[in-house]
């Protein structure tokens, strides 16, 4: 099974793509991780949307934001792999695709993320460095701030 990677502006997402993205994010972040937060935060409107697709299903996703939306730096967020596809180990490829897209769209910007603390080593493996001294709570989950220069 090969994964097709697509990046789209918000306005270019089809209704079905947007539905599948929101469904995946809600199913993982709000239901699986039991986090209540405003999923529709208006940042989607300003970002690009990276989708990994297998058999017409969005199996991996990341939101790519320009500078001055979440941080003064560009940022990657809402990084998620469908639970039914986790056995495919798409997380690293998702981040490589996201970093590659960020370098294309925002070539001179550092990339800042707010990473779940237990995933720090995962993000270090793709080049991020932790910059926050102490973990902080975001949506009741410990997070650390990380940067890829």
C-alpha atoms as a PDB file:
ATOM      1  CA  UNK A   1       0.000   0.000   0.000  1.00  0.00           C
ATOM      2  CA  UNK A   2       1.516   3.271  -1.028  1.00  0.00           C
ATOM      3  CA  UNK A   3       0.581   6.561   0.530  1.00  0.00           C
ATOM      4  CA  UNK A   4      -0.266   9.571  -1.620  1.00  0.00           C
ATOM      5  CA  UNK A   5       0.807  12.838   0.005  1.00  0.00           C
ATOM      6  CA  UNK A   6      -1.153  15.984  -0.878  1.00  0.00           C
ATOM      7  CA  UNK A   7      -0.841  19.573   0.390  1.00  0.00           C
ATOM      8  CA  UNK A   8      -3.788  21.902  -0.109  1.00  0.00           C
ATOM      9  CA  UNK A   9      -4.730  25.418   0.870  1.00  0.00           C
ATOM     10  CA  UNK A  10      -7.895  25.536   2.973  1.00  0.00           C
ATOM     11  CA  UNK A  11      -9.924  27.006   0.089  1.00  0.00           C
ATOM     12  CA  UNK A  12      -8.815  24.145  -2.180  1.00  0.00           C
ATOM     13  CA  UNK A  13      -9.916  21.327   0.132  1.00  0.00           C
ATOM     14  CA  UNK A  14     -12.965  19.470  -1.103  1.00  0.00           C
ATOM     15  CA  UNK A  15     -15.891  19.164   1.274  1.00  0.00           C
ATOM     16  CA  UNK A  16     -15.126  15.462   1.645  1.00  0.00           C
ATOM     17  CA  UNK A  17     -11.426  16.086   2.393  1.00  0.00           C
ATOM     18  CA  UNK A  18     -12.305  18.663   5.034  1.00  0.00           C
ATOM     19  CA  UNK A  19     -14.844  16.278   6.570  1.00  0.00           C
ATOM     20  CA  UNK A  20     -12.279  13.441   6.711  1.00  0.00           C
ATOM     21  CA  UNK A  21      -9.613  15.728   8.219  1.00  0.00           C
ATOM     22  CA  UNK A  22     -11.936  17.000  10.940  1.00  0.00           C
ATOM     23  CA  UNK A  23     -13.244  13.489  11.579  1.00  0.00           C
ATOM     24  CA  UNK A  24      -9.692  12.179  12.074  1.00  0.00           C
ATOM     25  CA  UNK A  25      -8.664  15.066  14.321  1.00  0.00           C
ATOM     26  CA  UNK A  26     -11.803  14.822  16.453  1.00  0.00           C
ATOM     27  CA  UNK A  27     -11.614  11.022  16.719  1.00  0.00           C
ATOM     28  CA  UNK A  28      -8.008  11.091  17.923  1.00  0.00           C
ATOM     29  CA  UNK A  29      -7.568  14.330  19.838  1.00  0.00           C
ATOM     30  CA  UNK A  30     -11.012  14.775  21.350  1.00  0.00           C
ATOM     31  CA  UNK A  31     -12.273  11.188  21.714  1.00  0.00           C
ATOM     32  CA  UNK A  32      -9.174   8.973  22.044  1.00  0.00           C
ATOM     33  CA  UNK A  33      -7.116  11.505  24.025  1.00  0.00           C
ATOM     34  CA  UNK A  34     -10.165  12.958  25.804  1.00  0.00           C
ATOM     35  CA  UNK A  35      -9.251  16.593  25.158  1.00  0.00           C
ATOM     36  CA  UNK A  36     -11.957  19.184  24.944  1.00  0.00           C
ATOM     37  CA  UNK A  37     -10.718  22.217  23.065  1.00  0.00           C
ATOM     38  CA  UNK A  38     -11.902  24.404  20.183  1.00  0.00           C
ATOM     39  CA  UNK A  39     -11.048  22.200  17.202  1.00  0.00           C
ATOM     40  CA  UNK A  40     -12.234  24.874  14.759  1.00  0.00           C
ATOM     41  CA  UNK A  41      -9.856  27.653  15.837  1.00  0.00           C
ATOM     42  CA  UNK A  42      -9.690  29.691  12.601  1.00  0.00           C
ATOM     43  CA  UNK A  43      -6.038  28.678  12.076  1.00  0.00           C
ATOM     44  CA  UNK A  44      -7.140  26.157   9.444  1.00  0.00           C
ATOM     45  CA  UNK A  45      -8.198  29.077   7.265  1.00  0.00           C
ATOM     46  CA  UNK A  46      -4.625  30.452   7.250  1.00  0.00           C
ATOM     47  CA  UNK A  47      -2.749  27.183   6.845  1.00  0.00           C
ATOM     48  CA  UNK A  48      -1.939  24.464   4.401  1.00  0.00           C
ATOM     49  CA  UNK A  49      -3.155  20.932   4.972  1.00  0.00           C
ATOM     50  CA  UNK A  50      -0.950  17.886   4.439  1.00  0.00           C
ATOM     51  CA  UNK A  51      -2.827  14.642   3.953  1.00  0.00           C
ATOM     52  CA  UNK A  52      -1.523  11.123   3.602  1.00  0.00           C
ATOM     53  CA  UNK A  53      -4.122   9.140   1.669  1.00  0.00           C
ATOM     54  CA  UNK A  54      -4.501   5.394   1.192  1.00  0.00           C
ATOM     55  CA  UNK A  55      -7.557   3.976  -0.611  1.00  0.00           C
ATOM     56  CA  UNK A  56      -9.373   7.342  -0.464  1.00  0.00           C
ATOM     57  CA  UNK A  57      -8.962   7.549   3.327  1.00  0.00           C
ATOM     58  CA  UNK A  58      -6.991  10.255   5.138  1.00  0.00           C
ATOM     59  CA  UNK A  59      -4.624   8.103   7.202  1.00  0.00           C
ATOM     60  CA  UNK A  60      -2.174  10.840   8.225  1.00  0.00           C
ATOM     61  CA  UNK A  61      -2.489  14.590   8.552  1.00  0.00           C
ATOM     62  CA  UNK A  62      -0.612  17.713   9.659  1.00  0.00           C
ATOM     63  CA  UNK A  63      -1.514  21.380   9.621  1.00  0.00           C
ATOM     64  CA  UNK A  64       1.182  23.675   8.219  1.00  0.00           C
ATOM     65  CA  UNK A  65       0.982  27.245   9.456  1.00  0.00           C
ATOM     66  CA  UNK A  66       2.836  30.331   8.261  1.00  0.00           C
ATOM     67  CA  UNK A  67       4.655  32.632  10.685  1.00  0.00           C
ATOM     68  CA  UNK A  68       2.564  34.777  13.032  1.00  0.00           C
ATOM     69  CA  UNK A  69      -0.378  32.391  13.311  1.00  0.00           C
ATOM     70  CA  UNK A  70       0.537  30.138  16.257  1.00  0.00           C
ATOM     71  CA  UNK A  71       4.053  31.527  16.796  1.00  0.00           C
ATOM     72  CA  UNK A  72       6.256  34.195  15.257  1.00  0.00           C
ATOM     73  CA  UNK A  73       7.912  31.193  13.540  1.00  0.00           C
ATOM     74  CA  UNK A  74       6.159  28.922  11.065  1.00  0.00           C
ATOM     75  CA  UNK A  75       4.652  25.860  12.727  1.00  0.00           C
ATOM     76  CA  UNK A  76       3.389  22.329  12.249  1.00  0.00           C
ATOM     77  CA  UNK A  77       0.444  21.165  14.296  1.00  0.00           C
ATOM     78  CA  UNK A  78      -2.458  18.741  14.564  1.00  0.00           C
ATOM     79  CA  UNK A  79      -0.032  15.936  13.651  1.00  0.00           C
ATOM     80  CA  UNK A  80      -2.087  12.747  13.607  1.00  0.00           C
ATOM     81  CA  UNK A  81      -2.138   9.221  12.206  1.00  0.00           C
ATOM     82  CA  UNK A  82      -5.379   7.276  11.948  1.00  0.00           C
ATOM     83  CA  UNK A  83      -5.458   4.576  14.676  1.00  0.00           C
ATOM     84  CA  UNK A  84      -6.347   1.973  12.020  1.00  0.00           C
ATOM     85  CA  UNK A  85      -3.158   2.836  10.115  1.00  0.00           C
ATOM     86  CA  UNK A  86      -0.665   3.134  12.973  1.00  0.00           C
ATOM     87  CA  UNK A  87       0.748  -0.310  12.170  1.00  0.00           C
ATOM     88  CA  UNK A  88       2.038   1.248   8.927  1.00  0.00           C
ATOM     89  CA  UNK A  89       4.442   3.490  10.923  1.00  0.00           C
ATOM     90  CA  UNK A  90       3.498   6.618   8.961  1.00  0.00           C
ATOM     91  CA  UNK A  91       4.441   9.134  11.668  1.00  0.00           C
ATOM     92  CA  UNK A  92       8.037   9.672  10.595  1.00  0.00           C
ATOM     93  CA  UNK A  93       7.113   9.907   6.921  1.00  0.00           C
ATOM     94  CA  UNK A  94       4.323  12.349   7.818  1.00  0.00           C
ATOM     95  CA  UNK A  95       6.823  14.593   9.604  1.00  0.00           C
ATOM     96  CA  UNK A  96       9.356  14.324   6.765  1.00  0.00           C
ATOM     97  CA  UNK A  97       6.652  15.326   4.292  1.00  0.00           C
ATOM     98  CA  UNK A  98       5.552  18.183   6.579  1.00  0.00           C
ATOM     99  CA  UNK A  99       9.108  19.507   7.013  1.00  0.00           C
ATOM    100  CA  UNK A 100       9.721  19.260   3.258  1.00  0.00           C
ATOM    101  CA  UNK A 101       6.531  21.221   2.536  1.00  0.00           C
ATOM    102  CA  UNK A 102       7.422  23.838   5.157  1.00  0.00           C
ATOM    103  CA  UNK A 103      10.861  24.294   3.564  1.00  0.00           C
ATOM    104  CA  UNK A 104       9.148  24.774   0.185  1.00  0.00           C
ATOM    105  CA  UNK A 105       6.508  27.265   1.367  1.00  0.00           C
ATOM    106  CA  UNK A 106       8.454  29.028   4.142  1.00  0.00           C
ATOM    107  CA  UNK A 107      12.102  28.440   3.178  1.00  0.00           C
ATOM    108  CA  UNK A 108      13.739  30.873   5.591  1.00  0.00           C
ATOM    109  CA  UNK A 109      11.613  30.235   8.662  1.00  0.00           C
ATOM    110  CA  UNK A 110      12.350  28.168  11.731  1.00  0.00           C
ATOM    111  CA  UNK A 111       9.605  25.641  12.444  1.00  0.00           C
ATOM    112  CA  UNK A 112       8.167  25.629  15.968  1.00  0.00           C
ATOM    113  CA  UNK A 113       5.916  22.944  17.443  1.00  0.00           C
ATOM    114  CA  UNK A 114       4.144  22.243  20.685  1.00  0.00           C
ATOM    115  CA  UNK A 115       4.831  18.529  21.108  1.00  0.00           C
ATOM    116  CA  UNK A 116       3.220  16.138  23.526  1.00  0.00           C
ATOM    117  CA  UNK A 117       6.033  15.557  26.016  1.00  0.00           C
ATOM    118  CA  UNK A 118       5.998  11.759  25.621  1.00  0.00           C
ATOM    119  CA  UNK A 119       6.717  12.250  21.890  1.00  0.00           C
ATOM    120  CA  UNK A 120       9.832  14.389  22.401  1.00  0.00           C
ATOM    121  CA  UNK A 121      12.223  11.649  21.190  1.00  0.00           C
ATOM    122  CA  UNK A 122      10.071  11.072  18.085  1.00  0.00           C
ATOM    123  CA  UNK A 123      10.363  14.750  17.116  1.00  0.00           C
ATOM    124  CA  UNK A 124      14.084  14.811  17.964  1.00  0.00           C
ATOM    125  CA  UNK A 125      14.535  11.949  15.480  1.00  0.00           C
ATOM    126  CA  UNK A 126      13.307  14.226  12.678  1.00  0.00           C
ATOM    127  CA  UNK A 127      15.517  17.150  13.757  1.00  0.00           C
ATOM    128  CA  UNK A 128      13.572  19.159  16.337  1.00  0.00           C
ATOM    129  CA  UNK A 129      15.270  20.455  19.494  1.00  0.00           C
ATOM    130  CA  UNK A 130      13.432  21.082  22.745  1.00  0.00           C
ATOM    131  CA  UNK A 131      13.487  24.750  23.721  1.00  0.00           C
ATOM    132  CA  UNK A 132      11.112  24.919  26.694  1.00  0.00           C
ATOM    133  CA  UNK A 133      12.700  24.208  30.062  1.00  0.00           C
ATOM    134  CA  UNK A 134       9.709  22.610  31.739  1.00  0.00           C
ATOM    135  CA  UNK A 135       6.766  20.724  30.258  1.00  0.00           C
ATOM    136  CA  UNK A 136       3.537  22.731  30.303  1.00  0.00           C
ATOM    137  CA  UNK A 137      -0.064  21.631  30.179  1.00  0.00           C
ATOM    138  CA  UNK A 138      -1.913  22.122  26.927  1.00  0.00           C
ATOM    139  CA  UNK A 139      -5.398  20.608  26.854  1.00  0.00           C
ATOM    140  CA  UNK A 140      -4.473  18.737  30.061  1.00  0.00           C
ATOM    141  CA  UNK A 141      -1.581  16.917  28.351  1.00  0.00           C
ATOM    142  CA  UNK A 142       2.086  17.734  29.150  1.00  0.00           C
ATOM    143  CA  UNK A 143       3.739  19.420  26.151  1.00  0.00           C
ATOM    144  CA  UNK A 144       7.179  20.793  25.312  1.00  0.00           C
ATOM    145  CA  UNK A 145       8.068  23.485  22.819  1.00  0.00           C
ATOM    146  CA  UNK A 146      10.467  22.370  20.101  1.00  0.00           C
ATOM    147  CA  UNK A 147      12.148  24.086  17.149  1.00  0.00           C
ATOM    148  CA  UNK A 148      13.712  23.001  13.871  1.00  0.00           C
ATOM    149  CA  UNK A 149      16.050  25.786  12.716  1.00  0.00           C
END
